[in-house]
């Protein structure tokens, strides 16, 4: 059986004692186990998914700024999940949960079609070498999947500091008839750790926002 191409590699980064305790003690409280059970907002609030939340700094700021919405952060790396769990607990947030699993499988199996108000994908791994471009998460099949999961009028917000990946993402979503480019300023976000580092290195930051068309069939 052919194995799917993954857009990530599980690096064996160091997990601090605090992150380890969070994974053990806080994941049962703030985490959602990967399963066939569909996720939803318990209070019928807009539901937003963030793919690749990293250490969670930006995730926390967005969830704090939008208490009217519910958020699910998807991340595979243990230290990042542990860090985010500690931040959720310290802030006492009730509108943010975490799933530690591959985002594509979560979207395919746990997210009902047409249920999401937004999807965030900030600074995904650019896989910069040409021979590894096939590992980039944003591909036509991924755009089609997002189109199925977003509600009409929902949006996907992408950001990168890699010019050719920005061009690639813009091309993929522009070619998918499910989406229309959003006007400038449609969606705001706080700066991420990767963005701050990229700006110091002189990298151009590009935000791309596409809205699911009303009446579009994904």
N, C-alpha and C. Protein backbone atom coordinates (compact mmCIF):
# COMPACT_ATOMS: atom_id res chain seq x y z
N UNK A 1 0.86 -1.20 0.00
CA UNK A 1 0.00 0.00 0.00
C UNK A 1 0.88 1.24 0.00
N UNK A 2 0.56 2.20 -0.87
CA UNK A 2 1.34 3.43 -0.94
C UNK A 2 1.09 4.31 0.27
N UNK A 3 2.17 4.81 0.85
CA UNK A 3 2.05 5.71 1.99
C UNK A 3 1.82 7.13 1.47
N UNK A 4 0.92 7.90 2.11
CA UNK A 4 0.70 9.27 1.66
C UNK A 4 1.94 10.12 1.92
N UNK A 5 2.12 11.15 1.07
CA UNK A 5 3.23 12.07 1.27
C UNK A 5 2.88 13.02 2.41
N UNK A 6 3.70 13.05 3.44
CA UNK A 6 3.44 13.92 4.59
C UNK A 6 4.07 15.28 4.36
N UNK A 7 3.40 16.31 4.87
CA UNK A 7 3.93 17.67 4.75
C UNK A 7 4.78 18.04 5.96
N UNK A 8 5.00 17.09 6.85
CA UNK A 8 5.78 17.36 8.05
C UNK A 8 6.66 16.18 8.38
N UNK A 9 7.67 16.45 9.19
CA UNK A 9 8.54 15.41 9.72
C UNK A 9 8.50 15.53 11.24
N UNK A 10 8.30 14.43 11.92
CA UNK A 10 8.27 14.46 13.38
C UNK A 10 9.69 14.53 13.91
N UNK A 11 10.13 15.75 14.19
CA UNK A 11 11.49 15.95 14.71
C UNK A 11 11.52 15.62 16.20
N UNK A 12 12.61 15.04 16.62
CA UNK A 12 12.74 14.66 18.02
C UNK A 12 13.28 15.82 18.85
N UNK A 13 12.52 16.89 18.92
CA UNK A 13 12.92 18.04 19.71
C UNK A 13 12.77 17.76 21.19
N UNK A 14 13.50 18.54 21.98
CA UNK A 14 13.47 18.34 23.43
C UNK A 14 12.14 18.82 24.01
N UNK A 15 11.51 17.98 24.80
CA UNK A 15 10.31 18.35 25.52
C UNK A 15 10.70 18.71 26.95
N UNK A 16 10.37 19.93 27.35
CA UNK A 16 10.73 20.37 28.70
C UNK A 16 9.84 19.65 29.73
N UNK A 17 10.27 19.63 30.99
CA UNK A 17 9.41 19.01 32.03
C UNK A 17 8.02 19.64 32.08
N UNK A 18 7.93 20.96 31.92
CA UNK A 18 6.63 21.63 31.97
C UNK A 18 5.75 21.21 30.79
N UNK A 19 6.36 21.08 29.61
CA UNK A 19 5.59 20.63 28.45
C UNK A 19 5.15 19.18 28.62
N UNK A 20 6.03 18.36 29.17
CA UNK A 20 5.69 16.96 29.41
C UNK A 20 4.54 16.81 30.39
N UNK A 21 4.56 17.61 31.46
CA UNK A 21 3.46 17.56 32.43
C UNK A 21 2.16 18.00 31.78
N UNK A 22 2.24 19.01 30.92
CA UNK A 22 1.04 19.49 30.24
C UNK A 22 0.45 18.40 29.34
N UNK A 23 1.31 17.71 28.60
CA UNK A 23 0.82 16.64 27.73
C UNK A 23 0.13 15.55 28.54
N UNK A 24 0.64 15.29 29.71
CA UNK A 24 0.07 14.23 30.55
C UNK A 24 -1.17 14.68 31.31
N UNK A 25 -1.10 15.90 31.86
CA UNK A 25 -2.15 16.34 32.78
C UNK A 25 -3.20 17.25 32.14
N UNK A 26 -2.79 18.06 31.15
CA UNK A 26 -3.72 19.05 30.60
C UNK A 26 -4.37 18.60 29.29
N UNK A 27 -3.73 17.69 28.56
CA UNK A 27 -4.35 17.24 27.31
C UNK A 27 -5.71 16.61 27.55
N UNK A 28 -5.90 15.83 28.61
CA UNK A 28 -7.25 15.30 28.85
C UNK A 28 -8.29 16.40 29.07
N UNK A 29 -7.86 17.56 29.52
CA UNK A 29 -8.79 18.67 29.80
C UNK A 29 -9.02 19.54 28.57
N UNK A 30 -7.96 19.87 27.84
CA UNK A 30 -8.05 20.81 26.72
C UNK A 30 -7.86 20.16 25.35
N UNK A 31 -7.48 18.90 25.34
CA UNK A 31 -7.24 18.22 24.08
C UNK A 31 -8.45 17.43 23.60
N UNK A 32 -8.41 17.11 22.31
CA UNK A 32 -9.43 16.25 21.71
C UNK A 32 -8.71 15.09 21.06
N UNK A 33 -9.04 13.89 21.45
CA UNK A 33 -8.39 12.71 20.89
C UNK A 33 -8.82 12.51 19.44
N UNK A 34 -7.87 12.12 18.60
CA UNK A 34 -8.20 11.81 17.21
C UNK A 34 -9.09 10.59 17.17
N UNK A 35 -10.21 10.71 16.46
CA UNK A 35 -11.18 9.62 16.39
C UNK A 35 -12.09 9.85 15.19
N UNK A 36 -13.09 9.02 15.06
CA UNK A 36 -14.09 9.20 14.00
C UNK A 36 -15.21 10.14 14.43
N UNK A 37 -15.18 10.57 15.69
CA UNK A 37 -16.25 11.44 16.20
C UNK A 37 -16.08 12.85 15.65
N UNK A 38 -17.16 13.42 15.15
CA UNK A 38 -17.11 14.75 14.55
C UNK A 38 -17.01 15.82 15.63
N UNK A 39 -16.22 16.87 15.33
CA UNK A 39 -16.07 17.98 16.25
C UNK A 39 -17.08 19.07 15.90
N UNK A 40 -17.44 19.86 16.91
CA UNK A 40 -18.37 20.96 16.71
C UNK A 40 -18.24 21.92 17.87
N UNK A 41 -18.87 23.07 17.74
CA UNK A 41 -18.90 24.03 18.84
C UNK A 41 -20.06 23.69 19.76
N UNK A 42 -19.77 23.51 21.03
CA UNK A 42 -20.82 23.14 21.99
C UNK A 42 -21.82 24.27 22.19
N UNK A 43 -21.44 25.49 21.83
CA UNK A 43 -22.32 26.65 22.05
C UNK A 43 -22.80 27.26 20.73
N UNK A 44 -22.66 26.51 19.64
CA UNK A 44 -23.08 26.99 18.32
C UNK A 44 -22.36 28.28 17.91
N UNK A 45 -21.11 28.42 18.32
CA UNK A 45 -20.30 29.57 17.93
C UNK A 45 -19.58 29.28 16.63
N UNK A 46 -19.12 30.31 15.91
CA UNK A 46 -18.29 30.06 14.72
C UNK A 46 -17.08 29.21 15.11
N UNK A 47 -16.75 28.23 14.27
CA UNK A 47 -15.65 27.31 14.56
C UNK A 47 -14.50 27.57 13.61
N UNK A 48 -13.31 27.77 14.18
CA UNK A 48 -12.11 28.08 13.41
C UNK A 48 -11.06 27.02 13.69
N UNK A 49 -10.40 26.53 12.65
CA UNK A 49 -9.32 25.56 12.79
C UNK A 49 -8.00 26.22 12.40
N UNK A 50 -6.99 26.04 13.24
CA UNK A 50 -5.64 26.47 12.88
C UNK A 50 -4.79 25.23 12.62
N UNK A 51 -4.15 25.20 11.48
CA UNK A 51 -3.29 24.08 11.11
C UNK A 51 -1.84 24.44 11.40
N UNK A 52 -1.20 23.67 12.27
CA UNK A 52 0.19 23.92 12.61
C UNK A 52 0.34 25.10 13.55
N UNK A 53 -0.11 24.94 14.78
CA UNK A 53 -0.11 26.05 15.75
C UNK A 53 1.25 26.29 16.38
N UNK A 54 2.22 25.42 16.13
CA UNK A 54 3.56 25.65 16.67
C UNK A 54 3.57 25.70 18.19
N UNK A 55 4.23 26.69 18.75
CA UNK A 55 4.31 26.84 20.21
C UNK A 55 3.08 27.56 20.77
N UNK A 56 2.21 28.04 19.90
CA UNK A 56 0.91 28.53 20.33
C UNK A 56 0.79 30.00 20.65
N UNK A 57 1.86 30.80 20.47
CA UNK A 57 1.77 32.22 20.85
C UNK A 57 0.67 32.93 20.06
N UNK A 58 0.67 32.78 18.75
CA UNK A 58 -0.32 33.45 17.91
C UNK A 58 -1.71 32.87 18.14
N UNK A 59 -1.79 31.57 18.30
CA UNK A 59 -3.06 30.90 18.55
C UNK A 59 -3.76 31.49 19.77
N UNK A 60 -3.00 31.65 20.83
CA UNK A 60 -3.56 32.20 22.07
C UNK A 60 -4.06 33.62 21.86
N UNK A 61 -3.28 34.45 21.19
CA UNK A 61 -3.67 35.85 20.99
C UNK A 61 -4.95 35.96 20.17
N UNK A 62 -5.08 35.13 19.15
CA UNK A 62 -6.29 35.17 18.32
C UNK A 62 -7.50 34.69 19.11
N UNK A 63 -7.35 33.62 19.87
CA UNK A 63 -8.47 33.11 20.67
C UNK A 63 -8.90 34.12 21.74
N UNK A 64 -7.93 34.81 22.34
CA UNK A 64 -8.26 35.83 23.33
C UNK A 64 -9.00 37.01 22.69
N UNK A 65 -8.59 37.36 21.47
CA UNK A 65 -9.18 38.52 20.80
C UNK A 65 -10.58 38.23 20.26
N UNK A 66 -10.92 36.94 20.15
CA UNK A 66 -12.22 36.57 19.57
C UNK A 66 -12.95 35.57 20.47
N UNK A 67 -13.41 36.03 21.64
CA UNK A 67 -14.12 35.12 22.54
C UNK A 67 -15.45 34.64 21.99
N UNK A 68 -15.94 35.30 20.94
CA UNK A 68 -17.22 34.90 20.35
C UNK A 68 -17.09 33.66 19.48
N UNK A 69 -15.86 33.24 19.18
CA UNK A 69 -15.62 32.08 18.32
C UNK A 69 -14.95 30.96 19.11
N UNK A 70 -15.07 29.74 18.61
CA UNK A 70 -14.37 28.59 19.16
C UNK A 70 -13.25 28.19 18.21
N UNK A 71 -12.12 27.75 18.78
CA UNK A 71 -10.93 27.45 17.99
C UNK A 71 -10.45 26.03 18.29
N UNK A 72 -9.98 25.37 17.24
CA UNK A 72 -9.29 24.09 17.38
C UNK A 72 -7.92 24.23 16.74
N UNK A 73 -6.88 24.03 17.52
CA UNK A 73 -5.51 24.07 17.02
C UNK A 73 -5.04 22.65 16.75
N UNK A 74 -4.48 22.43 15.57
CA UNK A 74 -3.97 21.11 15.20
C UNK A 74 -2.46 21.20 15.07
N UNK A 75 -1.76 20.35 15.81
CA UNK A 75 -0.29 20.37 15.82
C UNK A 75 0.19 18.95 16.10
N UNK A 76 1.29 18.54 15.45
CA UNK A 76 1.81 17.19 15.64
C UNK A 76 2.96 17.12 16.63
N UNK A 77 3.69 18.22 16.81
CA UNK A 77 4.91 18.18 17.61
C UNK A 77 4.62 18.36 19.09
N UNK A 78 5.09 17.40 19.88
CA UNK A 78 4.81 17.38 21.31
C UNK A 78 5.18 18.64 22.07
N UNK A 79 6.40 19.19 21.89
CA UNK A 79 6.76 20.40 22.64
C UNK A 79 5.80 21.56 22.36
N UNK A 80 5.39 21.72 21.10
CA UNK A 80 4.45 22.78 20.76
C UNK A 80 3.10 22.57 21.41
N UNK A 81 2.61 21.34 21.37
CA UNK A 81 1.32 21.03 21.99
C UNK A 81 1.38 21.29 23.50
N UNK A 82 2.48 20.84 24.13
CA UNK A 82 2.63 21.06 25.56
C UNK A 82 2.67 22.53 25.91
N UNK A 83 3.39 23.31 25.11
CA UNK A 83 3.48 24.74 25.35
C UNK A 83 2.11 25.40 25.22
N UNK A 84 1.36 25.03 24.18
CA UNK A 84 0.03 25.61 23.99
C UNK A 84 -0.91 25.23 25.11
N UNK A 85 -0.86 23.99 25.54
CA UNK A 85 -1.71 23.56 26.65
C UNK A 85 -1.44 24.39 27.90
N UNK A 86 -0.18 24.65 28.19
CA UNK A 86 0.17 25.47 29.35
C UNK A 86 -0.37 26.89 29.20
N UNK A 87 -0.31 27.43 27.99
CA UNK A 87 -0.81 28.78 27.75
C UNK A 87 -2.33 28.84 27.90
N UNK A 88 -3.02 27.84 27.39
CA UNK A 88 -4.48 27.80 27.54
C UNK A 88 -4.85 27.79 29.02
N UNK A 89 -4.16 26.95 29.78
CA UNK A 89 -4.46 26.82 31.20
C UNK A 89 -4.15 28.12 31.95
N UNK A 90 -3.03 28.74 31.63
CA UNK A 90 -2.64 29.99 32.32
C UNK A 90 -3.63 31.11 32.02
N UNK A 91 -4.15 31.15 30.79
CA UNK A 91 -5.09 32.20 30.40
C UNK A 91 -6.53 31.88 30.79
N UNK A 92 -6.78 30.62 31.15
CA UNK A 92 -8.14 30.22 31.49
C UNK A 92 -9.09 30.30 30.31
N UNK A 93 -8.61 29.96 29.11
CA UNK A 93 -9.43 30.07 27.91
C UNK A 93 -10.41 28.90 27.79
N UNK A 94 -11.62 29.23 27.47
CA UNK A 94 -12.66 28.21 27.30
C UNK A 94 -13.02 27.99 25.83
N UNK A 95 -12.39 28.74 24.95
CA UNK A 95 -12.78 28.66 23.53
C UNK A 95 -11.68 28.11 22.64
N UNK A 96 -10.73 27.38 23.22
CA UNK A 96 -9.62 26.84 22.45
C UNK A 96 -9.31 25.40 22.88
N UNK A 97 -9.29 24.49 21.91
CA UNK A 97 -8.94 23.11 22.16
C UNK A 97 -7.84 22.69 21.18
N UNK A 98 -7.20 21.55 21.46
CA UNK A 98 -6.03 21.11 20.71
C UNK A 98 -6.21 19.67 20.26
N UNK A 99 -5.80 19.39 19.03
CA UNK A 99 -5.75 18.02 18.54
C UNK A 99 -4.32 17.74 18.10
N UNK A 100 -3.71 16.72 18.64
CA UNK A 100 -2.34 16.34 18.27
C UNK A 100 -2.41 15.22 17.24
N UNK A 101 -2.42 15.63 15.98
CA UNK A 101 -2.52 14.64 14.91
C UNK A 101 -2.28 15.34 13.58
N UNK A 102 -2.17 14.56 12.53
CA UNK A 102 -2.01 15.08 11.17
C UNK A 102 -3.26 15.86 10.77
N UNK A 103 -3.07 17.11 10.35
CA UNK A 103 -4.20 18.01 10.07
C UNK A 103 -5.09 17.50 8.94
N UNK A 104 -4.49 16.93 7.90
CA UNK A 104 -5.29 16.45 6.78
C UNK A 104 -6.24 15.34 7.23
N UNK A 105 -5.74 14.43 8.05
CA UNK A 105 -6.59 13.34 8.54
C UNK A 105 -7.67 13.88 9.47
N UNK A 106 -7.34 14.89 10.27
CA UNK A 106 -8.35 15.50 11.15
C UNK A 106 -9.46 16.13 10.31
N UNK A 107 -9.08 16.90 9.29
CA UNK A 107 -10.08 17.54 8.44
C UNK A 107 -10.95 16.49 7.73
N UNK A 108 -10.32 15.45 7.23
CA UNK A 108 -11.05 14.43 6.48
C UNK A 108 -12.03 13.66 7.36
N UNK A 109 -11.62 13.35 8.60
CA UNK A 109 -12.39 12.39 9.39
C UNK A 109 -13.12 12.98 10.59
N UNK A 110 -12.72 14.16 11.03
CA UNK A 110 -13.35 14.71 12.24
C UNK A 110 -14.13 15.99 12.01
N UNK A 111 -13.94 16.64 10.88
CA UNK A 111 -14.59 17.93 10.63
C UNK A 111 -15.73 17.76 9.63
N UNK A 112 -16.96 18.06 10.03
CA UNK A 112 -18.08 17.93 9.08
C UNK A 112 -17.94 18.91 7.92
N UNK A 113 -18.41 18.52 6.76
CA UNK A 113 -18.41 19.41 5.61
C UNK A 113 -19.25 20.65 5.91
N UNK A 114 -18.76 21.80 5.44
CA UNK A 114 -19.51 23.05 5.58
C UNK A 114 -19.64 23.57 6.99
N UNK A 115 -18.74 23.15 7.90
CA UNK A 115 -18.92 23.50 9.32
C UNK A 115 -18.00 24.61 9.82
N UNK A 116 -16.98 24.99 9.05
CA UNK A 116 -15.96 25.90 9.58
C UNK A 116 -16.17 27.33 9.09
N UNK A 117 -15.98 28.27 10.02
CA UNK A 117 -16.02 29.69 9.67
C UNK A 117 -14.71 30.13 9.04
N UNK A 118 -13.61 29.49 9.45
CA UNK A 118 -12.29 29.88 8.93
C UNK A 118 -11.29 28.77 9.17
N UNK A 119 -10.23 28.79 8.36
CA UNK A 119 -9.07 27.93 8.55
C UNK A 119 -7.84 28.82 8.48
N UNK A 120 -6.94 28.69 9.45
CA UNK A 120 -5.69 29.46 9.48
C UNK A 120 -4.53 28.53 9.18
N UNK A 121 -3.65 28.99 8.31
CA UNK A 121 -2.42 28.25 8.00
C UNK A 121 -1.29 29.27 7.91
N UNK A 122 -0.59 29.46 9.02
CA UNK A 122 0.43 30.49 9.11
C UNK A 122 1.83 29.88 9.07
N UNK A 123 2.60 30.25 8.06
CA UNK A 123 4.00 29.85 7.93
C UNK A 123 4.20 28.33 7.97
N UNK A 124 3.51 27.63 7.07
CA UNK A 124 3.74 26.18 6.98
C UNK A 124 5.16 25.91 6.47
N UNK A 125 5.62 24.71 6.73
CA UNK A 125 6.96 24.31 6.29
C UNK A 125 7.06 24.53 4.78
N UNK A 126 8.01 25.37 4.32
CA UNK A 126 8.07 25.70 2.89
C UNK A 126 8.71 24.62 2.03
N UNK A 127 9.39 23.65 2.63
CA UNK A 127 10.10 22.64 1.86
C UNK A 127 10.79 23.31 0.67
N UNK A 128 11.82 24.12 0.93
CA UNK A 128 12.35 25.03 -0.08
C UNK A 128 13.03 24.39 -1.28
N UNK A 129 13.60 23.19 -1.11
CA UNK A 129 14.28 22.57 -2.25
C UNK A 129 13.25 22.06 -3.26
N UNK A 130 13.54 22.26 -4.54
CA UNK A 130 12.57 21.92 -5.57
C UNK A 130 12.14 20.46 -5.51
N UNK A 131 13.06 19.58 -5.18
CA UNK A 131 12.73 18.16 -5.14
C UNK A 131 11.80 17.81 -3.98
N UNK A 132 11.67 18.73 -3.00
CA UNK A 132 10.77 18.48 -1.87
C UNK A 132 9.47 19.27 -1.96
N UNK A 133 9.27 20.01 -3.05
CA UNK A 133 8.04 20.80 -3.19
C UNK A 133 6.78 19.94 -3.10
N UNK A 134 6.91 18.67 -3.48
CA UNK A 134 5.75 17.78 -3.42
C UNK A 134 5.27 17.58 -1.98
N UNK A 135 6.12 17.88 -1.00
CA UNK A 135 5.73 17.75 0.39
C UNK A 135 4.95 18.97 0.91
N UNK A 136 4.95 20.04 0.16
CA UNK A 136 4.23 21.23 0.62
C UNK A 136 2.75 20.91 0.82
N UNK A 137 2.22 21.41 1.93
CA UNK A 137 0.85 21.09 2.29
C UNK A 137 -0.15 21.64 1.27
N UNK A 138 0.08 22.86 0.81
CA UNK A 138 -0.88 23.49 -0.09
C UNK A 138 -0.70 22.94 -1.50
N UNK A 139 -1.65 22.11 -1.89
CA UNK A 139 -1.72 21.50 -3.21
C UNK A 139 -3.19 21.54 -3.64
N UNK A 140 -3.51 21.28 -4.91
CA UNK A 140 -4.91 21.32 -5.33
C UNK A 140 -5.85 20.45 -4.49
N UNK A 141 -5.40 19.25 -4.12
CA UNK A 141 -6.26 18.37 -3.32
C UNK A 141 -6.54 18.98 -1.95
N UNK A 142 -5.56 19.67 -1.39
CA UNK A 142 -5.73 20.31 -0.08
C UNK A 142 -6.73 21.46 -0.19
N UNK A 143 -6.64 22.25 -1.25
CA UNK A 143 -7.59 23.34 -1.45
C UNK A 143 -9.00 22.80 -1.60
N UNK A 144 -9.14 21.70 -2.32
CA UNK A 144 -10.45 21.08 -2.48
C UNK A 144 -11.01 20.61 -1.14
N UNK A 145 -10.14 20.03 -0.30
CA UNK A 145 -10.56 19.58 1.02
C UNK A 145 -11.04 20.75 1.86
N UNK A 146 -10.28 21.84 1.86
CA UNK A 146 -10.67 23.03 2.61
C UNK A 146 -12.01 23.56 2.10
N UNK A 147 -12.18 23.55 0.78
CA UNK A 147 -13.44 24.02 0.22
C UNK A 147 -14.64 23.25 0.72
N UNK A 148 -14.46 21.95 0.97
CA UNK A 148 -15.56 21.13 1.49
C UNK A 148 -15.85 21.44 2.95
N UNK A 149 -14.83 21.78 3.70
CA UNK A 149 -15.00 21.94 5.15
C UNK A 149 -15.48 23.34 5.53
N UNK A 150 -15.20 24.35 4.72
CA UNK A 150 -15.64 25.71 5.03
C UNK A 150 -17.12 25.88 4.73
N UNK A 151 -17.79 26.66 5.57
CA UNK A 151 -19.15 27.09 5.28
C UNK A 151 -19.10 28.14 4.17
N UNK A 152 -20.21 28.35 3.47
CA UNK A 152 -20.27 29.41 2.47
C UNK A 152 -19.96 30.74 3.15
N UNK A 153 -19.06 31.50 2.56
CA UNK A 153 -18.63 32.76 3.17
C UNK A 153 -17.49 32.59 4.15
N UNK A 154 -17.12 31.34 4.48
CA UNK A 154 -15.96 31.10 5.33
C UNK A 154 -14.68 31.38 4.57
N UNK A 155 -13.58 31.51 5.28
CA UNK A 155 -12.34 31.88 4.59
C UNK A 155 -11.15 31.08 5.09
N UNK A 156 -10.15 31.00 4.22
CA UNK A 156 -8.85 30.43 4.58
C UNK A 156 -7.83 31.56 4.55
N UNK A 157 -7.06 31.68 5.62
CA UNK A 157 -6.04 32.72 5.76
C UNK A 157 -4.69 32.03 5.81
N UNK A 158 -3.84 32.34 4.82
CA UNK A 158 -2.51 31.74 4.72
C UNK A 158 -1.46 32.84 4.85
N UNK A 159 -0.30 32.48 5.37
CA UNK A 159 0.81 33.43 5.44
C UNK A 159 2.12 32.68 5.26
N UNK A 160 3.08 33.33 4.59
CA UNK A 160 4.40 32.75 4.39
C UNK A 160 5.41 33.86 4.13
N UNK A 161 6.68 33.56 4.38
CA UNK A 161 7.74 34.51 4.05
C UNK A 161 8.63 33.96 2.94
N UNK A 162 8.11 32.97 2.21
CA UNK A 162 8.84 32.36 1.10
C UNK A 162 8.14 32.76 -0.19
N UNK A 163 8.72 33.65 -0.99
CA UNK A 163 8.02 34.19 -2.16
C UNK A 163 7.47 33.15 -3.12
N UNK A 164 8.25 32.11 -3.44
CA UNK A 164 7.75 31.16 -4.43
C UNK A 164 6.62 30.30 -3.86
N UNK A 165 6.63 30.09 -2.53
CA UNK A 165 5.52 29.35 -1.92
C UNK A 165 4.27 30.23 -1.90
N UNK A 166 4.43 31.53 -1.65
CA UNK A 166 3.30 32.45 -1.71
C UNK A 166 2.67 32.44 -3.11
N UNK A 167 3.52 32.48 -4.14
CA UNK A 167 3.01 32.43 -5.50
C UNK A 167 2.28 31.12 -5.77
N UNK A 168 2.86 30.03 -5.26
CA UNK A 168 2.25 28.71 -5.44
C UNK A 168 0.88 28.65 -4.76
N UNK A 169 0.79 29.13 -3.51
CA UNK A 169 -0.48 29.10 -2.80
C UNK A 169 -1.52 29.95 -3.50
N UNK A 170 -1.10 31.14 -3.95
CA UNK A 170 -2.03 32.02 -4.66
C UNK A 170 -2.56 31.34 -5.92
N UNK A 171 -1.68 30.64 -6.63
CA UNK A 171 -2.08 29.97 -7.86
C UNK A 171 -3.05 28.83 -7.58
N UNK A 172 -2.75 28.04 -6.55
CA UNK A 172 -3.60 26.89 -6.22
C UNK A 172 -5.01 27.34 -5.88
N UNK A 173 -5.14 28.34 -5.02
CA UNK A 173 -6.48 28.76 -4.60
C UNK A 173 -7.18 29.58 -5.68
N UNK A 174 -6.44 30.30 -6.49
CA UNK A 174 -7.06 31.06 -7.57
C UNK A 174 -7.63 30.14 -8.64
N UNK A 175 -6.99 29.00 -8.86
CA UNK A 175 -7.46 28.06 -9.87
C UNK A 175 -8.65 27.23 -9.40
N UNK A 176 -8.86 27.18 -8.08
CA UNK A 176 -9.98 26.43 -7.53
C UNK A 176 -11.22 27.32 -7.56
N UNK A 177 -12.21 26.95 -8.34
CA UNK A 177 -13.39 27.78 -8.51
C UNK A 177 -14.24 27.95 -7.27
N UNK A 178 -13.92 27.21 -6.20
CA UNK A 178 -14.66 27.34 -4.95
C UNK A 178 -14.37 28.66 -4.25
N UNK A 179 -13.21 29.26 -4.55
CA UNK A 179 -12.74 30.41 -3.78
C UNK A 179 -12.67 31.69 -4.59
N UNK A 180 -12.80 32.80 -3.88
CA UNK A 180 -12.55 34.13 -4.43
C UNK A 180 -11.57 34.84 -3.51
N UNK A 181 -10.67 35.63 -4.08
CA UNK A 181 -9.71 36.37 -3.27
C UNK A 181 -10.45 37.42 -2.44
N UNK A 182 -10.10 37.51 -1.15
CA UNK A 182 -10.72 38.48 -0.27
C UNK A 182 -10.07 39.84 -0.45
N UNK A 183 -10.78 40.92 -0.17
CA UNK A 183 -10.17 42.25 -0.28
C UNK A 183 -9.11 42.46 0.79
N UNK A 184 -8.20 43.38 0.55
CA UNK A 184 -7.13 43.67 1.52
C UNK A 184 -7.74 44.05 2.86
N UNK A 185 -7.14 43.55 3.93
CA UNK A 185 -7.61 43.86 5.28
C UNK A 185 -8.79 43.03 5.73
N UNK A 186 -9.17 42.00 4.94
CA UNK A 186 -10.33 41.18 5.28
C UNK A 186 -10.13 40.45 6.60
N UNK A 187 -8.92 39.96 6.84
CA UNK A 187 -8.63 39.22 8.07
C UNK A 187 -7.30 39.70 8.64
N UNK A 188 -7.28 39.99 9.92
CA UNK A 188 -6.06 40.44 10.59
C UNK A 188 -5.53 39.31 11.47
N UNK A 189 -4.25 39.40 11.80
CA UNK A 189 -3.64 38.42 12.70
C UNK A 189 -2.45 39.04 13.40
N UNK A 190 -2.13 38.60 14.61
CA UNK A 190 -0.90 39.06 15.26
C UNK A 190 0.31 38.42 14.61
N UNK A 191 1.46 39.04 14.77
CA UNK A 191 2.70 38.51 14.19
C UNK A 191 3.10 37.22 14.89
N UNK A 192 3.55 36.25 14.10
CA UNK A 192 4.04 35.00 14.66
C UNK A 192 5.54 35.07 14.90
N UNK A 193 6.04 34.07 15.62
CA UNK A 193 7.48 33.97 15.84
C UNK A 193 8.23 33.86 14.52
N UNK A 194 7.68 33.09 13.58
CA UNK A 194 8.33 32.91 12.28
C UNK A 194 8.31 34.21 11.48
N UNK A 195 7.23 34.97 11.60
CA UNK A 195 7.17 36.24 10.89
C UNK A 195 8.21 37.21 11.42
N UNK A 196 8.32 37.31 12.73
CA UNK A 196 9.30 38.22 13.32
C UNK A 196 10.71 37.85 12.89
N UNK A 197 11.00 36.55 12.89
CA UNK A 197 12.32 36.09 12.46
C UNK A 197 12.53 36.39 10.98
N UNK A 198 11.48 36.16 10.17
CA UNK A 198 11.58 36.42 8.75
C UNK A 198 11.83 37.89 8.45
N UNK A 199 11.16 38.77 9.18
CA UNK A 199 11.35 40.21 8.95
C UNK A 199 12.78 40.63 9.30
N UNK A 200 13.33 40.05 10.37
CA UNK A 200 14.71 40.37 10.74
C UNK A 200 15.67 39.95 9.64
N UNK A 201 15.33 38.89 8.94
CA UNK A 201 16.17 38.39 7.85
C UNK A 201 15.87 39.08 6.53
N UNK A 202 14.92 40.00 6.56
CA UNK A 202 14.57 40.72 5.34
C UNK A 202 13.63 39.99 4.41
N UNK A 203 12.95 38.96 4.90
CA UNK A 203 12.05 38.20 4.06
C UNK A 203 10.72 38.94 3.89
N UNK A 204 10.17 38.97 2.70
CA UNK A 204 8.86 39.60 2.49
C UNK A 204 7.75 38.72 3.06
N UNK A 205 6.85 39.29 3.83
CA UNK A 205 5.75 38.54 4.42
C UNK A 205 4.51 38.73 3.55
N UNK A 206 3.89 37.63 3.17
CA UNK A 206 2.66 37.74 2.38
C UNK A 206 1.52 37.00 3.08
N UNK A 207 0.41 37.70 3.22
CA UNK A 207 -0.83 37.12 3.71
C UNK A 207 -1.76 36.93 2.53
N UNK A 208 -2.36 35.78 2.44
CA UNK A 208 -3.31 35.45 1.38
C UNK A 208 -4.61 35.00 2.02
N UNK A 209 -5.71 35.61 1.62
CA UNK A 209 -7.01 35.25 2.18
C UNK A 209 -7.98 34.95 1.03
N UNK A 210 -8.59 33.79 1.09
CA UNK A 210 -9.57 33.39 0.08
C UNK A 210 -10.88 33.02 0.77
N UNK A 211 -11.97 33.47 0.18
CA UNK A 211 -13.30 33.25 0.74
C UNK A 211 -14.03 32.19 -0.08
N UNK A 212 -14.71 31.30 0.60
CA UNK A 212 -15.51 30.30 -0.11
C UNK A 212 -16.73 30.98 -0.72
N UNK A 213 -16.89 30.82 -2.01
CA UNK A 213 -17.98 31.49 -2.71
C UNK A 213 -19.34 30.97 -2.24
N UNK A 214 -20.31 31.83 -2.18
CA UNK A 214 -21.67 31.42 -1.91
C UNK A 214 -22.16 30.55 -3.07
N UNK A 215 -22.73 29.41 -2.72
CA UNK A 215 -23.28 28.54 -3.74
C UNK A 215 -22.27 27.70 -4.49
N UNK A 216 -20.97 27.82 -4.13
CA UNK A 216 -19.95 27.02 -4.82
C UNK A 216 -20.06 25.57 -4.37
N UNK A 217 -19.84 24.65 -5.29
CA UNK A 217 -19.84 23.22 -4.96
C UNK A 217 -18.41 22.76 -4.89
N UNK A 218 -17.99 22.29 -3.70
CA UNK A 218 -16.60 21.87 -3.51
C UNK A 218 -16.40 20.48 -4.10
